[in-house]
C-alpha atoms as a PDB file:
ATOM      1  CA  UNK A   1     -60.729  -3.399   6.013  1.00  0.00           C
ATOM      2  CA  UNK A   2     -61.443  -3.738   9.734  1.00  0.00           C
ATOM      3  CA  UNK A   3     -63.540  -0.592  10.159  1.00  0.00           C
ATOM      4  CA  UNK A   4     -65.082   0.950   7.039  1.00  0.00           C
ATOM      5  CA  UNK A   5     -64.571   4.699   6.984  1.00  0.00           C
ATOM      6  CA  UNK A   6     -67.612   6.926   7.182  1.00  0.00           C
ATOM      7  CA  UNK A   7     -65.744  10.231   6.767  1.00  0.00           C
ATOM      8  CA  UNK A   8     -64.451  10.765   3.204  1.00  0.00           C
ATOM      9  CA  UNK A   9     -60.718   9.939   2.961  1.00  0.00           C
ATOM     10  CA  UNK A  10     -60.380   9.730  -0.828  1.00  0.00           C
ATOM     11  CA  UNK A  11     -57.295  11.950  -1.317  1.00  0.00           C
ATOM     12  CA  UNK A  12     -55.500  10.326   1.610  1.00  0.00           C
ATOM     13  CA  UNK A  13     -56.241   6.774   0.488  1.00  0.00           C
ATOM     14  CA  UNK A  14     -55.305   7.564  -3.117  1.00  0.00           C
ATOM     15  CA  UNK A  15     -52.067   9.167  -1.990  1.00  0.00           C
ATOM     16  CA  UNK A  16     -51.242   6.198   0.214  1.00  0.00           C
ATOM     17  CA  UNK A  17     -51.829   3.894  -2.752  1.00  0.00           C
ATOM     18  CA  UNK A  18     -49.396   5.939  -4.852  1.00  0.00           C
ATOM     19  CA  UNK A  19     -46.841   5.837  -2.042  1.00  0.00           C
ATOM     20  CA  UNK A  20     -47.069   2.053  -1.768  1.00  0.00           C
ATOM     21  CA  UNK A  21     -46.688   1.760  -5.528  1.00  0.00           C
ATOM     22  CA  UNK A  22     -43.529   3.895  -5.354  1.00  0.00           C
ATOM     23  CA  UNK A  23     -42.167   1.583  -2.659  1.00  0.00           C
ATOM     24  CA  UNK A  24     -42.590  -1.381  -5.000  1.00  0.00           C
ATOM     25  CA  UNK A  25     -40.997   0.458  -7.918  1.00  0.00           C
ATOM     26  CA  UNK A  26     -37.945   1.356  -5.832  1.00  0.00           C
ATOM     27  CA  UNK A  27     -37.408  -2.333  -5.074  1.00  0.00           C
ATOM     28  CA  UNK A  28     -37.675  -3.374  -8.727  1.00  0.00           C
ATOM     29  CA  UNK A  29     -34.560  -3.717 -10.850  1.00  0.00           C
ATOM     30  CA  UNK A  30     -36.693  -3.545 -14.005  1.00  0.00           C
ATOM     31  CA  UNK A  31     -37.769   0.086 -13.550  1.00  0.00           C
ATOM     32  CA  UNK A  32     -35.478   2.718 -15.041  1.00  0.00           C
ATOM     33  CA  UNK A  33     -34.441   5.987 -13.454  1.00  0.00           C
ATOM     34  CA  UNK A  34     -36.789   8.005 -15.656  1.00  0.00           C
ATOM     35  CA  UNK A  35     -39.807   5.982 -14.602  1.00  0.00           C
ATOM     36  CA  UNK A  36     -38.810   6.128 -10.953  1.00  0.00           C
ATOM     37  CA  UNK A  37     -38.332   9.882 -11.061  1.00  0.00           C
ATOM     38  CA  UNK A  38     -41.780  10.336 -12.617  1.00  0.00           C
ATOM     39  CA  UNK A  39     -43.290   8.315  -9.752  1.00  0.00           C
ATOM     40  CA  UNK A  40     -41.403  10.386  -7.168  1.00  0.00           C
ATOM     41  CA  UNK A  41     -42.726  13.599  -8.734  1.00  0.00           C
ATOM     42  CA  UNK A  42     -46.288  12.243  -8.744  1.00  0.00           C
ATOM     43  CA  UNK A  43     -46.217  11.227  -5.071  1.00  0.00           C
ATOM     44  CA  UNK A  44     -44.627  14.555  -4.136  1.00  0.00           C
ATOM     45  CA  UNK A  45     -47.494  16.336  -5.917  1.00  0.00           C
ATOM     46  CA  UNK A  46     -50.026  14.155  -4.059  1.00  0.00           C
ATOM     47  CA  UNK A  47     -48.652  15.389  -0.733  1.00  0.00           C
ATOM     48  CA  UNK A  48     -50.120  18.871  -1.225  1.00  0.00           C
ATOM     49  CA  UNK A  49     -53.577  17.456  -1.986  1.00  0.00           C
ATOM     50  CA  UNK A  50     -53.405  15.156   1.026  1.00  0.00           C
ATOM     51  CA  UNK A  51     -52.393  17.957   3.394  1.00  0.00           C
ATOM     52  CA  UNK A  52     -55.110  20.200   1.953  1.00  0.00           C
ATOM     53  CA  UNK A  53     -57.737  17.539   2.658  1.00  0.00           C
ATOM     54  CA  UNK A  54     -56.931  17.329   6.370  1.00  0.00           C
ATOM     55  CA  UNK A  55     -58.951  20.416   7.256  1.00  0.00           C
ATOM     56  CA  UNK A  56     -62.124  18.970   5.785  1.00  0.00           C
ATOM     57  CA  UNK A  57     -61.462  15.611   7.466  1.00  0.00           C
ATOM     58  CA  UNK A  58     -61.125  17.281  10.866  1.00  0.00           C
ATOM     59  CA  UNK A  59     -64.259  19.358  10.310  1.00  0.00           C
ATOM     60  CA  UNK A  60     -66.234  16.315   9.144  1.00  0.00           C
ATOM     61  CA  UNK A  61     -65.191  14.310  12.213  1.00  0.00           C
ATOM     62  CA  UNK A  62     -66.282  17.098  14.541  1.00  0.00           C
ATOM     63  CA  UNK A  63     -69.576  17.648  12.721  1.00  0.00           C
ATOM     64  CA  UNK A  64     -70.339  13.930  13.124  1.00  0.00           C
ATOM     65  CA  UNK A  65     -69.672  13.961  16.863  1.00  0.00           C
ATOM     66  CA  UNK A  66     -65.942  13.366  17.389  1.00  0.00           C
ATOM     67  CA  UNK A  67     -64.436  15.560  20.109  1.00  0.00           C
ATOM     68  CA  UNK A  68     -62.539  18.530  18.682  1.00  0.00           C
ATOM     69  CA  UNK A  69     -59.347  17.614  20.557  1.00  0.00           C
ATOM     70  CA  UNK A  70     -59.353  14.083  19.126  1.00  0.00           C
ATOM     71  CA  UNK A  71     -60.061  15.311  15.576  1.00  0.00           C
ATOM     72  CA  UNK A  72     -57.229  17.849  15.784  1.00  0.00           C
ATOM     73  CA  UNK A  73     -54.871  15.245  17.215  1.00  0.00           C
ATOM     74  CA  UNK A  74     -55.427  12.955  14.236  1.00  0.00           C
ATOM     75  CA  UNK A  75     -55.198  15.810  11.733  1.00  0.00           C
ATOM     76  CA  UNK A  76     -51.915  16.983  13.277  1.00  0.00           C
ATOM     77  CA  UNK A  77     -50.484  13.441  13.286  1.00  0.00           C
ATOM     78  CA  UNK A  78     -51.301  12.920   9.610  1.00  0.00           C
ATOM     79  CA  UNK A  79     -49.987  16.364   8.709  1.00  0.00           C
ATOM     80  CA  UNK A  80     -46.659  15.648  10.424  1.00  0.00           C
ATOM     81  CA  UNK A  81     -46.261  12.349   8.533  1.00  0.00           C
ATOM     82  CA  UNK A  82     -47.163  13.970   5.215  1.00  0.00           C
ATOM     83  CA  UNK A  83     -44.724  16.819   5.755  1.00  0.00           C
ATOM     84  CA  UNK A  84     -41.959  14.299   6.437  1.00  0.00           C
ATOM     85  CA  UNK A  85     -42.920  12.457   3.252  1.00  0.00           C
ATOM     86  CA  UNK A  86     -42.916  15.655   1.218  1.00  0.00           C
ATOM     87  CA  UNK A  87     -39.487  16.605   2.578  1.00  0.00           C
ATOM     88  CA  UNK A  88     -38.085  13.159   1.779  1.00  0.00           C
ATOM     89  CA  UNK A  89     -39.126  13.519  -1.884  1.00  0.00           C
ATOM     90  CA  UNK A  90     -38.395  17.216  -2.339  1.00  0.00           C
ATOM     91  CA  UNK A  91     -34.645  16.921  -2.905  1.00  0.00           C
ATOM     92  CA  UNK A  92     -35.041  14.800  -6.026  1.00  0.00           C
ATOM     93  CA  UNK A  93     -37.885  16.952  -7.355  1.00  0.00           C
ATOM     94  CA  UNK A  94     -35.798  20.115  -6.961  1.00  0.00           C
ATOM     95  CA  UNK A  95     -32.731  18.570  -8.606  1.00  0.00           C
ATOM     96  CA  UNK A  96     -34.729  17.117 -11.506  1.00  0.00           C
ATOM     97  CA  UNK A  97     -33.249  13.650 -11.072  1.00  0.00           C
ATOM     98  CA  UNK A  98     -33.167  10.688  -8.700  1.00  0.00           C
ATOM     99  CA  UNK A  99     -29.592  10.021  -7.675  1.00  0.00           C
ATOM    100  CA  UNK A 100     -28.412   6.621  -6.473  1.00  0.00           C
ATOM    101  CA  UNK A 101     -27.803   8.053  -2.996  1.00  0.00           C
ATOM    102  CA  UNK A 102     -31.266   9.527  -2.737  1.00  0.00           C
ATOM    103  CA  UNK A 103     -32.853   6.369  -4.115  1.00  0.00           C
ATOM    104  CA  UNK A 104     -31.206   4.386  -1.315  1.00  0.00           C
ATOM    105  CA  UNK A 105     -32.431   6.927   1.237  1.00  0.00           C
ATOM    106  CA  UNK A 106     -35.999   6.626  -0.070  1.00  0.00           C
ATOM    107  CA  UNK A 107     -35.835   2.838   0.068  1.00  0.00           C
ATOM    108  CA  UNK A 108     -35.085   3.199   3.786  1.00  0.00           C
ATOM    109  CA  UNK A 109     -37.477   6.065   4.638  1.00  0.00           C
ATOM    110  CA  UNK A 110     -40.630   5.350   2.637  1.00  0.00           C
ATOM    111  CA  UNK A 111     -41.646   2.094   4.397  1.00  0.00           C
ATOM    112  CA  UNK A 112     -41.613   3.888   7.752  1.00  0.00           C
ATOM    113  CA  UNK A 113     -43.619   6.830   6.425  1.00  0.00           C
ATOM    114  CA  UNK A 114     -46.064   4.492   4.722  1.00  0.00           C
ATOM    115  CA  UNK A 115     -46.598   2.632   8.018  1.00  0.00           C
ATOM    116  CA  UNK A 116     -47.236   5.925   9.811  1.00  0.00           C
ATOM    117  CA  UNK A 117     -49.971   6.912   7.379  1.00  0.00           C
ATOM    118  CA  UNK A 118     -51.499   3.447   6.976  1.00  0.00           C
ATOM    119  CA  UNK A 119     -51.537   3.020  10.750  1.00  0.00           C
ATOM    120  CA  UNK A 120     -53.269   6.374  11.332  1.00  0.00           C
ATOM    121  CA  UNK A 121     -56.070   6.203   8.737  1.00  0.00           C
ATOM    122  CA  UNK A 122     -57.876   3.319  10.523  1.00  0.00           C
ATOM    123  CA  UNK A 123     -57.857   5.460  13.669  1.00  0.00           C
ATOM    124  CA  UNK A 124     -59.898   8.063  11.790  1.00  0.00           C
ATOM    125  CA  UNK A 125     -62.456   5.362  11.027  1.00  0.00           C
ATOM    126  CA  UNK A 126     -62.405   4.203  14.644  1.00  0.00           C
ATOM    127  CA  UNK A 127     -63.129   7.558  16.300  1.00  0.00           C
ATOM    128  CA  UNK A 128     -65.711   8.372  13.617  1.00  0.00           C
ATOM    129  CA  UNK A 129     -67.683   5.188  14.154  1.00  0.00           C
ATOM    130  CA  UNK A 130     -67.359   5.405  17.933  1.00  0.00           C
ATOM    131  CA  UNK A 131     -69.012   8.853  17.858  1.00  0.00           C
ATOM    132  CA  UNK A 132     -72.141   7.634  16.089  1.00  0.00           C
ATOM    133  CA  UNK A 133     -75.385   6.791  17.922  1.00  0.00           C
ATOM    134  CA  UNK A 134     -75.574   3.286  19.342  1.00  0.00           C
ATOM    135  CA  UNK A 135     -76.990   0.732  16.895  1.00  0.00           C
ATOM    136  CA  UNK A 136     -80.643  -0.256  17.400  1.00  0.00           C
ATOM    137  CA  UNK A 137     -79.721  -3.913  17.853  1.00  0.00           C
ATOM    138  CA  UNK A 138     -77.212  -5.406  20.267  1.00  0.00           C
ATOM    139  CA  UNK A 139     -73.938  -6.834  18.950  1.00  0.00           C
ATOM    140  CA  UNK A 140     -73.087 -10.323  20.140  1.00  0.00           C
ATOM    141  CA  UNK A 141     -69.755 -10.300  21.990  1.00  0.00           C
ATOM    142  CA  UNK A 142     -68.590 -13.400  20.111  1.00  0.00           C
ATOM    143  CA  UNK A 143     -68.794 -11.470  16.821  1.00  0.00           C
ATOM    144  CA  UNK A 144     -66.419  -8.825  18.181  1.00  0.00           C
ATOM    145  CA  UNK A 145     -63.704 -11.414  18.760  1.00  0.00           C
ATOM    146  CA  UNK A 146     -64.014 -13.504  15.604  1.00  0.00           C
ATOM    147  CA  UNK A 147     -61.287 -13.432  12.967  1.00  0.00           C
ATOM    148  CA  UNK A 148     -60.773 -10.009  11.386  1.00  0.00           C
ATOM    149  CA  UNK A 149     -57.700 -10.772   9.255  1.00  0.00           C
ATOM    150  CA  UNK A 150     -58.263 -10.904   5.518  1.00  0.00           C
ATOM    151  CA  UNK A 151     -56.313 -12.874   2.947  1.00  0.00           C
ATOM    152  CA  UNK A 152     -54.392 -16.168   3.268  1.00  0.00           C
ATOM    153  CA  UNK A 153     -53.714 -17.861   6.582  1.00  0.00           C
ATOM    154  CA  UNK A 154     -50.190 -16.487   7.239  1.00  0.00           C
ATOM    155  CA  UNK A 155     -51.591 -12.951   7.564  1.00  0.00           C
ATOM    156  CA  UNK A 156     -52.862 -11.645  10.877  1.00  0.00           C
ATOM    157  CA  UNK A 157     -52.146 -12.378  14.525  1.00  0.00           C
ATOM    158  CA  UNK A 158     -53.086 -15.905  15.695  1.00  0.00           C
ATOM    159  CA  UNK A 159     -54.991 -16.017  18.981  1.00  0.00           C
ATOM    160  CA  UNK A 160     -57.461 -18.048  20.993  1.00  0.00           C
ATOM    161  CA  UNK A 161     -60.850 -16.680  22.062  1.00  0.00           C
ATOM    162  CA  UNK A 162     -62.712 -17.871  25.116  1.00  0.00           C
ATOM    163  CA  UNK A 163     -65.729 -16.495  26.972  1.00  0.00           C
ATOM    164  CA  UNK A 164     -67.224 -16.821  30.416  1.00  0.00           C
ATOM    165  CA  UNK A 165     -70.686 -15.713  31.413  1.00  0.00           C
ATOM    166  CA  UNK A 166     -73.722 -15.175  29.181  1.00  0.00           C
ATOM    167  CA  UNK A 167     -73.408 -13.360  25.863  1.00  0.00           C
ATOM    168  CA  UNK A 168     -76.352 -10.997  26.118  1.00  0.00           C
ATOM    169  CA  UNK A 169     -75.062  -8.622  23.464  1.00  0.00           C
ATOM    170  CA  UNK A 170     -73.285  -5.265  23.604  1.00  0.00           C
ATOM    171  CA  UNK A 171     -74.700  -1.838  22.611  1.00  0.00           C
ATOM    172  CA  UNK A 172     -71.760  -0.982  20.337  1.00  0.00           C
ATOM    173  CA  UNK A 173     -70.825  -0.581  16.695  1.00  0.00           C
ATOM    174  CA  UNK A 174     -69.372  -3.918  15.574  1.00  0.00           C
ATOM    175  CA  UNK A 175     -66.684  -2.437  13.301  1.00  0.00           C
ATOM    176  CA  UNK A 176     -65.450  -0.037  15.999  1.00  0.00           C
ATOM    177  CA  UNK A 177     -65.374  -2.799  18.607  1.00  0.00           C
ATOM    178  CA  UNK A 178     -63.441  -5.175  16.332  1.00  0.00           C
ATOM    179  CA  UNK A 179     -60.891  -2.450  15.622  1.00  0.00           C
ATOM    180  CA  UNK A 180     -60.399  -1.880  19.353  1.00  0.00           C
ATOM    181  CA  UNK A 181     -59.582  -5.586  19.669  1.00  0.00           C
ATOM    182  CA  UNK A 182     -57.164  -5.278  16.725  1.00  0.00           C
ATOM    183  CA  UNK A 183     -55.376  -2.349  18.386  1.00  0.00           C
ATOM    184  CA  UNK A 184     -55.239  -4.212  21.686  1.00  0.00           C
ATOM    185  CA  UNK A 185     -53.573  -7.186  20.008  1.00  0.00           C
ATOM    186  CA  UNK A 186     -51.115  -4.890  18.204  1.00  0.00           C
ATOM    187  CA  UNK A 187     -50.053  -3.280  21.475  1.00  0.00           C
ATOM    188  CA  UNK A 188     -49.649  -6.582  23.303  1.00  0.00           C
ATOM    189  CA  UNK A 189     -47.724  -8.331  20.496  1.00  0.00           C
ATOM    190  CA  UNK A 190     -45.311  -5.528  19.577  1.00  0.00           C
ATOM    191  CA  UNK A 191     -42.477  -7.611  21.059  1.00  0.00           C
ATOM    192  CA  UNK A 192     -41.768 -11.328  20.761  1.00  0.00           C
ATOM    193  CA  UNK A 193     -44.699 -13.373  22.014  1.00  0.00           C
ATOM    194  CA  UNK A 194     -43.934 -15.490  25.133  1.00  0.00           C
ATOM    195  CA  UNK A 195     -46.851 -17.820  24.398  1.00  0.00           C
ATOM    196  CA  UNK A 196     -50.252 -18.033  22.755  1.00  0.00           C
ATOM    197  CA  UNK A 197     -52.238 -14.797  22.613  1.00  0.00           C
ATOM    198  CA  UNK A 198     -55.607 -15.056  24.333  1.00  0.00           C
ATOM    199  CA  UNK A 199     -58.757 -12.966  24.053  1.00  0.00           C
ATOM    200  CA  UNK A 200     -60.805 -13.603  27.171  1.00  0.00           C
ATOM    201  CA  UNK A 201     -64.304 -12.132  27.324  1.00  0.00           C
ATOM    202  CA  UNK A 202     -66.165 -12.093  30.630  1.00  0.00           C
ATOM    203  CA  UNK A 203     -69.657 -10.819  31.335  1.00  0.00           C
ATOM    204  CA  UNK A 204     -69.984 -11.954  34.951  1.00  0.00           C
ATOM    205  CA  UNK A 205     -69.295  -9.584  37.818  1.00  0.00           C
ATOM    206  CA  UNK A 206     -69.595  -5.978  36.649  1.00  0.00           C
ATOM    207  CA  UNK A 207     -69.128  -4.511  33.190  1.00  0.00           C
ATOM    208  CA  UNK A 208     -68.469  -6.886  30.290  1.00  0.00           C
ATOM    209  CA  UNK A 209     -64.792  -6.838  29.469  1.00  0.00           C
ATOM    210  CA  UNK A 210     -62.136  -8.330  27.208  1.00  0.00           C
ATOM    211  CA  UNK A 211     -58.675  -9.200  28.480  1.00  0.00           C
ATOM    212  CA  UNK A 212     -55.962  -9.492  25.835  1.00  0.00           C
ATOM    213  CA  UNK A 213     -52.673 -11.053  26.867  1.00  0.00           C
ATOM    214  CA  UNK A 214     -50.513 -14.156  27.036  1.00  0.00           C
ATOM    215  CA  UNK A 215     -50.685 -17.192  29.241  1.00  0.00           C
ATOM    216  CA  UNK A 216     -52.865 -20.158  30.018  1.00  0.00           C
ATOM    217  CA  UNK A 217     -56.605 -19.895  29.655  1.00  0.00           C
ATOM    218  CA  UNK A 218     -59.478 -21.791  31.193  1.00  0.00           C
ATOM    219  CA  UNK A 219     -59.759 -23.982  28.105  1.00  0.00           C
ATOM    220  CA  UNK A 220     -58.375 -24.539  24.620  1.00  0.00           C
ATOM    221  CA  UNK A 221     -60.334 -21.630  23.171  1.00  0.00           C
ATOM    222  CA  UNK A 222     -61.498 -20.923  19.634  1.00  0.00           C
ATOM    223  CA  UNK A 223     -58.636 -20.268  17.161  1.00  0.00           C
ATOM    224  CA  UNK A 224     -58.971 -16.852  15.491  1.00  0.00           C
ATOM    225  CA  UNK A 225     -56.760 -14.576  13.385  1.00  0.00           C
ATOM    226  CA  UNK A 226     -56.799 -10.887  14.241  1.00  0.00           C
ATOM    227  CA  UNK A 227     -55.914  -8.294  11.621  1.00  0.00           C
ATOM    228  CA  UNK A 228     -52.432  -6.810  11.971  1.00  0.00           C
ATOM    229  CA  UNK A 229     -52.112  -3.015  11.970  1.00  0.00           C
ATOM    230  CA  UNK A 230     -48.913  -0.987  12.410  1.00  0.00           C
ATOM    231  CA  UNK A 231     -48.604   0.844  15.690  1.00  0.00           C
ATOM    232  CA  UNK A 232     -48.247   4.619  15.487  1.00  0.00           C
ATOM    233  CA  UNK A 233     -47.855   7.365  18.048  1.00  0.00           C
ATOM    234  CA  UNK A 234     -51.627   7.968  18.117  1.00  0.00           C
ATOM    235  CA  UNK A 235     -52.718   4.328  18.549  1.00  0.00           C
ATOM    236  CA  UNK A 236     -53.182   4.259  22.312  1.00  0.00           C
ATOM    237  CA  UNK A 237     -54.574   7.805  22.479  1.00  0.00           C
ATOM    238  CA  UNK A 238     -57.278   7.034  19.917  1.00  0.00           C
ATOM    239  CA  UNK A 239     -58.075   3.608  21.375  1.00  0.00           C
ATOM    240  CA  UNK A 240     -58.745   5.200  24.757  1.00  0.00           C
ATOM    241  CA  UNK A 241     -60.766   8.043  23.222  1.00  0.00           C
ATOM    242  CA  UNK A 242     -62.903   5.673  21.141  1.00  0.00           C
ATOM    243  CA  UNK A 243     -63.553   3.255  24.008  1.00  0.00           C
ATOM    244  CA  UNK A 244     -64.554   6.168  26.229  1.00  0.00           C
ATOM    245  CA  UNK A 245     -66.927   7.460  23.559  1.00  0.00           C
ATOM    246  CA  UNK A 246     -68.477   4.004  23.216  1.00  0.00           C
ATOM    247  CA  UNK A 247     -69.188   4.087  26.949  1.00  0.00           C
ATOM    248  CA  UNK A 248     -66.338   1.851  28.120  1.00  0.00           C
ATOM    249  CA  UNK A 249     -62.592   2.070  28.644  1.00  0.00           C
ATOM    250  CA  UNK A 250     -59.306   0.842  27.160  1.00  0.00           C
ATOM    251  CA  UNK A 251     -56.455   0.099  29.558  1.00  0.00           C
ATOM    252  CA  UNK A 252     -52.958  -0.957  28.498  1.00  0.00           C
ATOM    253  CA  UNK A 253     -50.336  -2.184  30.968  1.00  0.00           C
ATOM    254  CA  UNK A 254     -47.069  -2.248  29.032  1.00  0.00           C
ATOM    255  CA  UNK A 255     -45.042  -4.092  31.702  1.00  0.00           C
ATOM    256  CA  UNK A 256     -47.579  -6.912  31.931  1.00  0.00           C
ATOM    257  CA  UNK A 257     -48.253  -6.874  28.180  1.00  0.00           C
ATOM    258  CA  UNK A 258     -51.976  -6.832  28.820  1.00  0.00           C
ATOM    259  CA  UNK A 259     -54.955  -4.863  27.516  1.00  0.00           C
ATOM    260  CA  UNK A 260     -58.352  -4.687  29.180  1.00  0.00           C
ATOM    261  CA  UNK A 261     -61.293  -3.324  27.191  1.00  0.00           C
ATOM    262  CA  UNK A 262     -64.412  -2.593  29.219  1.00  0.00           C
ATOM    263  CA  UNK A 263     -67.607  -2.555  27.171  1.00  0.00           C
ATOM    264  CA  UNK A 264     -70.741  -0.531  27.945  1.00  0.00           C
ATOM    265  CA  UNK A 265     -73.683  -2.189  29.615  1.00  0.00           C
ATOM    266  CA  UNK A 266     -76.910  -2.642  27.681  1.00  0.00           C
END
C-alpha cells in the first residue's frame, strides 16, 4: 500500500475484497450458478454496510483536520460508486437467480466499479495524512521518489529519477508525498507514453519541486518503479487539495502531459 490509512476503512476495504472475489468467480468456468448467485447476494448485502460507513468516515476525516468540503467530496464520490454497484447487483437479487444475460452484464460492469472504489480509497488516505501535523524530522526528497510499486517487476510504472540542487529534506509526511508522486505519474501516463517517464526534483531557485513528464533529462537517472493506481473523477481534485494542505501545490497540464508538484520549504 502506498499510503497507509489512518482513518478506519474496514467495511469499505472488506466490501472491496468481496467485490474483487466476485469478479474472479464470474471469470471462472468452474463455479456453478448457485455459487455465483450466493456471491452476488453477499456483495449486494455488503453495499448497505459500506454506504452506512461513509458518514463516520467523513466525520473522522473532518475531526482529524481534513477540510469539510474535501471530506464530503470523497464521501459523495464513494457513495455514487456504491449506489451504482448496488443497482448493478439488485436485478439478480430481486429475481432470485443469475441469468446468463445478467452475468455477462456484470462481467462488463464490475471491473469498472471496482476500479472506481479502489482508486478512491487511497485518496482518503492521502487527504487524511496530508491534514496531520508536520513530522518532527525532515523527509529526504530522494525517499519520496524511490520505487513505490510492490510485487514482481512487471507491476508499476517504470521511470527515471534525477535531482538537481541539495537535498536538505522536506517537512512532509513521506507516505502522502509518495502518493502525490504516484497520482502525478498516473495522470501523465494515462495515454500511450511517447518516451521514458522522468521524475525531476529540483531544489535550486525557489520552492523545491518535482516535474513529472516525458522527454530527455540531464542524465541517465535512477531507474524506479512507481505504483500504478486507477484514475477516478476525484484524483486531480484530491491531489490538489492534499498538496495545498501540505503547504505546496499540484499542477497538471493535460496538453503537455506534465505535472509539477511544489513542496513546502523547511
